Amino acid sequence: MSPSTLSVVTPVDSTVFATVHISSSKEVQAAVKRAAEAQKAWKRVPLKQRIETGRRFLEVFGTRKDELAKELTMQMGRPLRYTPGEIKGTQDRGKYMVDVAEEALKDVEIHEAGLEGKFKRFIRKEPVGVVLIIA
């Protein structure tokens, strides 16, 4: 193992099941910069197209469920008979999110007595930036 790699040991049997690259600070900064640039383009993609992209992702994700279930088992040590449920849960939550996206992201009109016809007030939900998740 070099300083730029990490051996991943499975709790299943304490063997190394993967060796992964450890990103340098420069690599992380470059990845965040690329993600921020991609997000600027992504936010201009019409919502219906973003929803369809989410649906396609879920389809591809589903085709890899056996592989992903085994990966989860190796990472967490959870028995293989349970990890397909983890994959299904992810698929179910993702499907719910794309199903409600249009309604959840539509403008919310604000009505205030005495201002009808003078102003159109609303709340618009827009993509605003990159989210970094460390898990």
N, C-alpha and C. Protein backbone atom coordinates (compact mmCIF):
# COMPACT_ATOMS: atom_id res chain seq x y z
N MET A 1 0.85 -1.18 0.00
CA MET A 1 0.00 0.00 0.00
C MET A 1 0.89 1.24 0.00
N SER A 2 0.68 2.11 -0.96
CA SER A 2 1.44 3.36 -1.01
C SER A 2 0.68 4.45 -0.27
N PRO A 3 1.32 5.59 -0.02
CA PRO A 3 0.62 6.67 0.69
C PRO A 3 -0.61 7.18 -0.06
N SER A 4 -0.71 6.92 -1.37
CA SER A 4 -1.86 7.43 -2.13
C SER A 4 -2.94 6.37 -2.35
N THR A 5 -2.82 5.23 -1.67
CA THR A 5 -3.85 4.20 -1.77
C THR A 5 -4.24 3.74 -0.37
N LEU A 6 -5.39 3.11 -0.31
CA LEU A 6 -5.90 2.59 0.95
C LEU A 6 -6.44 1.20 0.71
N SER A 7 -6.02 0.27 1.54
CA SER A 7 -6.56 -1.09 1.46
C SER A 7 -7.86 -1.14 2.25
N VAL A 8 -8.91 -1.61 1.61
CA VAL A 8 -10.22 -1.71 2.27
C VAL A 8 -10.38 -3.15 2.76
N VAL A 9 -10.54 -3.29 4.06
CA VAL A 9 -10.67 -4.60 4.69
C VAL A 9 -12.15 -4.85 4.96
N THR A 10 -12.62 -6.01 4.51
CA THR A 10 -14.02 -6.35 4.74
C THR A 10 -14.22 -6.92 6.14
N PRO A 11 -15.28 -6.52 6.81
CA PRO A 11 -15.58 -7.13 8.10
C PRO A 11 -16.11 -8.56 7.97
N VAL A 12 -16.38 -8.99 6.74
CA VAL A 12 -16.88 -10.35 6.52
C VAL A 12 -15.85 -11.38 6.97
N ASP A 13 -14.59 -11.19 6.52
CA ASP A 13 -13.54 -12.16 6.87
C ASP A 13 -12.18 -11.51 7.10
N SER A 14 -12.17 -10.20 7.26
CA SER A 14 -10.95 -9.42 7.54
C SER A 14 -9.91 -9.48 6.44
N THR A 15 -10.31 -9.75 5.21
CA THR A 15 -9.37 -9.72 4.08
C THR A 15 -9.49 -8.38 3.36
N VAL A 16 -8.44 -8.06 2.62
CA VAL A 16 -8.48 -6.86 1.78
C VAL A 16 -9.31 -7.20 0.54
N PHE A 17 -10.39 -6.45 0.31
CA PHE A 17 -11.21 -6.74 -0.87
C PHE A 17 -11.12 -5.65 -1.92
N ALA A 18 -10.46 -4.55 -1.58
CA ALA A 18 -10.27 -3.48 -2.57
C ALA A 18 -9.11 -2.60 -2.14
N THR A 19 -8.48 -2.01 -3.13
CA THR A 19 -7.48 -0.98 -2.89
C THR A 19 -7.95 0.25 -3.64
N VAL A 20 -8.09 1.35 -2.92
CA VAL A 20 -8.65 2.56 -3.52
C VAL A 20 -7.64 3.70 -3.47
N HIS A 21 -7.76 4.59 -4.42
CA HIS A 21 -6.90 5.77 -4.51
C HIS A 21 -7.34 6.80 -3.48
N ILE A 22 -6.39 7.40 -2.80
CA ILE A 22 -6.68 8.51 -1.89
C ILE A 22 -6.37 9.80 -2.65
N SER A 23 -7.37 10.60 -2.86
CA SER A 23 -7.20 11.84 -3.62
C SER A 23 -6.38 12.85 -2.84
N SER A 24 -5.53 13.56 -3.56
CA SER A 24 -4.76 14.64 -2.95
C SER A 24 -5.67 15.86 -2.81
N SER A 25 -5.20 16.83 -2.06
CA SER A 25 -5.96 18.07 -1.89
C SER A 25 -6.21 18.73 -3.25
N LYS A 26 -5.19 18.72 -4.13
CA LYS A 26 -5.35 19.31 -5.47
C LYS A 26 -6.41 18.56 -6.28
N GLU A 27 -6.41 17.23 -6.18
CA GLU A 27 -7.40 16.43 -6.91
C GLU A 27 -8.81 16.72 -6.41
N VAL A 28 -8.95 16.86 -5.09
CA VAL A 28 -10.27 17.16 -4.52
C VAL A 28 -10.73 18.54 -4.99
N GLN A 29 -9.83 19.53 -4.93
CA GLN A 29 -10.19 20.88 -5.37
C GLN A 29 -10.58 20.88 -6.85
N ALA A 30 -9.85 20.15 -7.67
CA ALA A 30 -10.17 20.08 -9.10
C ALA A 30 -11.52 19.40 -9.33
N ALA A 31 -11.80 18.37 -8.57
CA ALA A 31 -13.09 17.66 -8.71
C ALA A 31 -14.25 18.57 -8.31
N VAL A 32 -14.08 19.32 -7.23
CA VAL A 32 -15.13 20.25 -6.80
C VAL A 32 -15.33 21.34 -7.84
N LYS A 33 -14.23 21.83 -8.41
CA LYS A 33 -14.34 22.86 -9.46
C LYS A 33 -15.09 22.31 -10.68
N ARG A 34 -14.75 21.09 -11.10
CA ARG A 34 -15.45 20.48 -12.24
C ARG A 34 -16.93 20.28 -11.93
N ALA A 35 -17.22 19.86 -10.70
CA ALA A 35 -18.62 19.66 -10.30
C ALA A 35 -19.38 20.98 -10.31
N ALA A 36 -18.75 22.04 -9.83
CA ALA A 36 -19.41 23.36 -9.84
C ALA A 36 -19.68 23.82 -11.26
N GLU A 37 -18.72 23.59 -12.16
CA GLU A 37 -18.92 23.96 -13.57
C GLU A 37 -20.04 23.12 -14.20
N ALA A 38 -20.06 21.84 -13.90
CA ALA A 38 -21.11 20.97 -14.44
C ALA A 38 -22.48 21.37 -13.89
N GLN A 39 -22.52 21.76 -12.62
CA GLN A 39 -23.80 22.15 -12.01
C GLN A 39 -24.38 23.38 -12.69
N LYS A 40 -23.52 24.31 -13.10
CA LYS A 40 -24.02 25.52 -13.79
C LYS A 40 -24.74 25.14 -15.08
N ALA A 41 -24.22 24.14 -15.79
CA ALA A 41 -24.88 23.67 -17.01
C ALA A 41 -26.13 22.87 -16.66
N TRP A 42 -26.04 22.02 -15.64
CA TRP A 42 -27.15 21.15 -15.23
C TRP A 42 -28.38 21.96 -14.84
N LYS A 43 -28.18 23.09 -14.15
CA LYS A 43 -29.33 23.87 -13.70
C LYS A 43 -30.09 24.49 -14.87
N ARG A 44 -29.47 24.56 -16.04
CA ARG A 44 -30.16 25.08 -17.23
C ARG A 44 -30.92 23.99 -17.98
N VAL A 45 -30.71 22.74 -17.60
CA VAL A 45 -31.43 21.63 -18.23
C VAL A 45 -32.88 21.67 -17.74
N PRO A 46 -33.84 21.59 -18.64
CA PRO A 46 -35.25 21.63 -18.22
C PRO A 46 -35.57 20.52 -17.21
N LEU A 47 -36.46 20.85 -16.28
CA LEU A 47 -36.79 19.91 -15.21
C LEU A 47 -37.24 18.56 -15.75
N LYS A 48 -38.07 18.54 -16.77
CA LYS A 48 -38.54 17.26 -17.32
C LYS A 48 -37.36 16.40 -17.77
N GLN A 49 -36.35 17.02 -18.35
CA GLN A 49 -35.17 16.27 -18.81
C GLN A 49 -34.36 15.77 -17.61
N ARG A 50 -34.26 16.59 -16.56
CA ARG A 50 -33.54 16.15 -15.35
C ARG A 50 -34.26 14.97 -14.70
N ILE A 51 -35.59 15.03 -14.70
CA ILE A 51 -36.38 13.92 -14.15
C ILE A 51 -36.14 12.66 -14.96
N GLU A 52 -36.14 12.78 -16.28
CA GLU A 52 -35.92 11.61 -17.14
C GLU A 52 -34.51 11.05 -16.92
N THR A 53 -33.53 11.91 -16.71
CA THR A 53 -32.17 11.45 -16.41
C THR A 53 -32.16 10.67 -15.10
N GLY A 54 -32.90 11.15 -14.11
CA GLY A 54 -33.02 10.42 -12.84
C GLY A 54 -33.65 9.05 -13.03
N ARG A 55 -34.67 8.99 -13.87
CA ARG A 55 -35.33 7.69 -14.14
C ARG A 55 -34.36 6.73 -14.84
N ARG A 56 -33.59 7.25 -15.80
CA ARG A 56 -32.61 6.39 -16.49
C ARG A 56 -31.54 5.89 -15.52
N PHE A 57 -31.09 6.77 -14.63
CA PHE A 57 -30.12 6.36 -13.61
C PHE A 57 -30.68 5.19 -12.80
N LEU A 58 -31.93 5.32 -12.36
CA LEU A 58 -32.53 4.26 -11.55
C LEU A 58 -32.64 2.95 -12.31
N GLU A 59 -32.90 3.03 -13.61
CA GLU A 59 -32.95 1.82 -14.44
C GLU A 59 -31.58 1.13 -14.46
N VAL A 60 -30.54 1.91 -14.73
CA VAL A 60 -29.18 1.35 -14.78
C VAL A 60 -28.78 0.83 -13.40
N PHE A 61 -29.09 1.58 -12.38
CA PHE A 61 -28.81 1.16 -11.00
C PHE A 61 -29.44 -0.20 -10.73
N GLY A 62 -30.67 -0.39 -11.19
CA GLY A 62 -31.38 -1.66 -10.99
C GLY A 62 -30.73 -2.83 -11.70
N THR A 63 -30.10 -2.57 -12.84
CA THR A 63 -29.45 -3.66 -13.58
C THR A 63 -28.20 -4.15 -12.86
N ARG A 64 -27.71 -3.37 -11.91
CA ARG A 64 -26.48 -3.73 -11.20
C ARG A 64 -26.75 -4.13 -9.74
N LYS A 65 -28.01 -4.43 -9.42
CA LYS A 65 -28.37 -4.66 -8.02
C LYS A 65 -27.62 -5.81 -7.37
N ASP A 66 -27.37 -6.89 -8.10
CA ASP A 66 -26.64 -8.02 -7.50
C ASP A 66 -25.20 -7.63 -7.18
N GLU A 67 -24.57 -6.95 -8.12
CA GLU A 67 -23.19 -6.48 -7.92
C GLU A 67 -23.13 -5.50 -6.75
N LEU A 68 -24.08 -4.58 -6.69
CA LEU A 68 -24.09 -3.58 -5.63
C LEU A 68 -24.40 -4.20 -4.27
N ALA A 69 -25.28 -5.19 -4.25
CA ALA A 69 -25.59 -5.88 -2.99
C ALA A 69 -24.34 -6.57 -2.44
N LYS A 70 -23.59 -7.22 -3.31
CA LYS A 70 -22.35 -7.88 -2.87
C LYS A 70 -21.35 -6.84 -2.36
N GLU A 71 -21.23 -5.73 -3.07
CA GLU A 71 -20.33 -4.65 -2.64
C GLU A 71 -20.71 -4.15 -1.25
N LEU A 72 -22.00 -3.94 -1.01
CA LEU A 72 -22.45 -3.50 0.31
C LEU A 72 -22.09 -4.52 1.38
N THR A 73 -22.30 -5.78 1.08
CA THR A 73 -21.95 -6.83 2.03
C THR A 73 -20.47 -6.76 2.38
N MET A 74 -19.64 -6.62 1.37
CA MET A 74 -18.19 -6.57 1.61
C MET A 74 -17.80 -5.32 2.40
N GLN A 75 -18.46 -4.20 2.16
CA GLN A 75 -18.13 -2.97 2.86
C GLN A 75 -18.61 -2.97 4.31
N MET A 76 -19.83 -3.45 4.52
CA MET A 76 -20.47 -3.32 5.83
C MET A 76 -20.45 -4.59 6.66
N GLY A 77 -20.29 -5.73 6.01
CA GLY A 77 -20.36 -6.99 6.73
C GLY A 77 -21.78 -7.48 6.93
N ARG A 78 -22.73 -6.77 6.36
CA ARG A 78 -24.13 -7.19 6.48
C ARG A 78 -24.35 -8.44 5.63
N PRO A 79 -25.08 -9.43 6.15
CA PRO A 79 -25.30 -10.65 5.37
C PRO A 79 -25.91 -10.36 4.00
N LEU A 80 -25.44 -11.09 3.00
CA LEU A 80 -25.86 -10.89 1.61
C LEU A 80 -27.37 -11.02 1.43
N ARG A 81 -28.02 -11.80 2.25
CA ARG A 81 -29.47 -11.96 2.09
C ARG A 81 -30.23 -10.67 2.41
N TYR A 82 -29.60 -9.72 3.12
CA TYR A 82 -30.26 -8.47 3.47
C TYR A 82 -29.91 -7.30 2.56
N THR A 83 -28.76 -7.33 1.94
CA THR A 83 -28.33 -6.16 1.16
C THR A 83 -29.17 -5.88 -0.08
N PRO A 84 -29.81 -6.87 -0.73
CA PRO A 84 -30.71 -6.50 -1.83
C PRO A 84 -31.83 -5.56 -1.37
N GLY A 85 -32.24 -5.68 -0.11
CA GLY A 85 -33.24 -4.77 0.44
C GLY A 85 -32.73 -3.34 0.51
N GLU A 86 -31.43 -3.18 0.78
CA GLU A 86 -30.82 -1.84 0.78
C GLU A 86 -30.91 -1.23 -0.62
N ILE A 87 -30.62 -2.04 -1.62
CA ILE A 87 -30.67 -1.57 -3.01
C ILE A 87 -32.11 -1.20 -3.38
N LYS A 88 -33.06 -2.05 -3.02
CA LYS A 88 -34.47 -1.78 -3.33
C LYS A 88 -34.92 -0.50 -2.63
N GLY A 89 -34.49 -0.30 -1.39
CA GLY A 89 -34.85 0.93 -0.67
C GLY A 89 -34.33 2.17 -1.38
N THR A 90 -33.11 2.09 -1.89
CA THR A 90 -32.55 3.21 -2.65
C THR A 90 -33.37 3.45 -3.91
N GLN A 91 -33.71 2.37 -4.61
CA GLN A 91 -34.53 2.51 -5.82
C GLN A 91 -35.90 3.11 -5.50
N ASP A 92 -36.53 2.64 -4.43
CA ASP A 92 -37.85 3.14 -4.06
C ASP A 92 -37.80 4.63 -3.71
N ARG A 93 -36.79 5.04 -2.93
CA ARG A 93 -36.67 6.46 -2.57
C ARG A 93 -36.38 7.31 -3.80
N GLY A 94 -35.51 6.82 -4.67
CA GLY A 94 -35.21 7.55 -5.90
C GLY A 94 -36.42 7.70 -6.79
N LYS A 95 -37.20 6.62 -6.93
CA LYS A 95 -38.42 6.67 -7.75
C LYS A 95 -39.40 7.68 -7.16
N TYR A 96 -39.56 7.66 -5.84
CA TYR A 96 -40.45 8.62 -5.20
C TYR A 96 -40.00 10.05 -5.51
N MET A 97 -38.70 10.31 -5.39
CA MET A 97 -38.19 11.67 -5.61
C MET A 97 -38.45 12.14 -7.04
N VAL A 98 -38.21 11.28 -8.03
CA VAL A 98 -38.47 11.72 -9.41
C VAL A 98 -39.97 11.82 -9.67
N ASP A 99 -40.77 11.00 -9.00
CA ASP A 99 -42.23 11.07 -9.18
C ASP A 99 -42.81 12.37 -8.64
N VAL A 100 -42.26 12.89 -7.54
CA VAL A 100 -42.81 14.11 -6.93
C VAL A 100 -42.05 15.37 -7.32
N ALA A 101 -40.98 15.24 -8.09
CA ALA A 101 -40.12 16.39 -8.39
C ALA A 101 -40.88 17.55 -9.02
N GLU A 102 -41.68 17.27 -10.03
CA GLU A 102 -42.36 18.35 -10.74
C GLU A 102 -43.27 19.15 -9.79
N GLU A 103 -44.04 18.43 -9.00
CA GLU A 103 -44.95 19.10 -8.05
C GLU A 103 -44.15 19.81 -6.94
N ALA A 104 -43.14 19.15 -6.42
CA ALA A 104 -42.37 19.70 -5.30
C ALA A 104 -41.54 20.92 -5.70
N LEU A 105 -41.15 21.00 -6.98
CA LEU A 105 -40.27 22.08 -7.41
C LEU A 105 -40.99 23.21 -8.14
N LYS A 106 -42.31 23.12 -8.25
CA LYS A 106 -43.03 24.19 -8.95
C LYS A 106 -43.04 25.45 -8.09
N ASP A 107 -43.24 26.59 -8.76
CA ASP A 107 -43.31 27.86 -8.04
C ASP A 107 -44.46 27.84 -7.03
N VAL A 108 -44.24 28.48 -5.90
CA VAL A 108 -45.27 28.63 -4.87
C VAL A 108 -45.72 30.08 -4.91
N GLU A 109 -46.97 30.30 -5.29
CA GLU A 109 -47.48 31.68 -5.36
C GLU A 109 -47.82 32.17 -3.96
N ILE A 110 -47.51 33.44 -3.72
CA ILE A 110 -47.79 34.08 -2.44
C ILE A 110 -48.92 35.08 -2.67
N HIS A 111 -50.01 34.89 -1.97
CA HIS A 111 -51.16 35.79 -2.09
C HIS A 111 -51.28 36.59 -0.80
N GLU A 112 -51.36 37.90 -0.97
CA GLU A 112 -51.47 38.77 0.20
C GLU A 112 -52.62 39.73 -0.04
N ALA A 113 -53.49 39.83 0.94
CA ALA A 113 -54.67 40.69 0.81
C ALA A 113 -54.26 42.12 0.45
N GLY A 114 -54.95 42.68 -0.51
CA GLY A 114 -54.70 44.06 -0.92
C GLY A 114 -53.62 44.22 -1.97
N LEU A 115 -52.88 43.16 -2.26
CA LEU A 115 -51.81 43.27 -3.26
C LEU A 115 -52.14 42.55 -4.56
N GLU A 116 -53.31 41.89 -4.65
CA GLU A 116 -53.68 41.18 -5.87
C GLU A 116 -53.67 42.15 -7.05
N GLY A 117 -53.06 41.73 -8.13
CA GLY A 117 -52.99 42.56 -9.33
C GLY A 117 -51.87 43.59 -9.31
N LYS A 118 -51.28 43.84 -8.17
CA LYS A 118 -50.20 44.82 -8.08
C LYS A 118 -48.83 44.15 -8.18
N PHE A 119 -48.73 43.00 -7.56
CA PHE A 119 -47.46 42.28 -7.54
C PHE A 119 -47.73 40.80 -7.77
N LYS A 120 -46.79 40.15 -8.40
CA LYS A 120 -46.82 38.69 -8.46
C LYS A 120 -45.67 38.22 -7.58
N ARG A 121 -46.04 37.68 -6.44
CA ARG A 121 -45.02 37.21 -5.51
C ARG A 121 -45.04 35.69 -5.52
N PHE A 122 -43.83 35.12 -5.51
CA PHE A 122 -43.74 33.66 -5.54
C PHE A 122 -42.38 33.23 -5.02
N ILE A 123 -42.32 31.97 -4.67
CA ILE A 123 -41.06 31.35 -4.27
C ILE A 123 -40.69 30.37 -5.38
N ARG A 124 -39.49 30.49 -5.89
CA ARG A 124 -39.00 29.59 -6.93
C ARG A 124 -37.84 28.78 -6.36
N LYS A 125 -37.93 27.48 -6.52
CA LYS A 125 -36.88 26.57 -6.04
C LYS A 125 -35.95 26.28 -7.21
N GLU A 126 -34.69 26.65 -7.05
CA GLU A 126 -33.71 26.48 -8.12
C GLU A 126 -32.47 25.77 -7.60
N PRO A 127 -31.82 25.00 -8.48
CA PRO A 127 -30.53 24.41 -8.08
C PRO A 127 -29.53 25.54 -7.81
N VAL A 128 -28.85 25.49 -6.68
CA VAL A 128 -27.95 26.59 -6.34
C VAL A 128 -26.48 26.21 -6.23
N GLY A 129 -26.16 24.94 -6.20
CA GLY A 129 -24.74 24.63 -6.10
C GLY A 129 -24.46 23.16 -5.87
N VAL A 130 -23.20 22.90 -5.63
CA VAL A 130 -22.69 21.55 -5.44
C VAL A 130 -22.89 21.14 -3.98
N VAL A 131 -23.25 19.88 -3.78
CA VAL A 131 -23.37 19.32 -2.43
C VAL A 131 -22.29 18.25 -2.29
N LEU A 132 -21.52 18.34 -1.24
CA LEU A 132 -20.48 17.35 -0.97
C LEU A 132 -20.95 16.46 0.17
N ILE A 133 -20.98 15.17 -0.09
CA ILE A 133 -21.38 14.21 0.93
C ILE A 133 -20.17 13.32 1.24
N ILE A 134 -19.82 13.28 2.49
CA ILE A 134 -18.74 12.39 2.93
C ILE A 134 -19.39 11.30 3.76
N ALA A 135 -19.28 10.08 3.28
CA ALA A 135 -19.95 8.98 3.99
C ALA A 135 -18.97 7.84 4.21
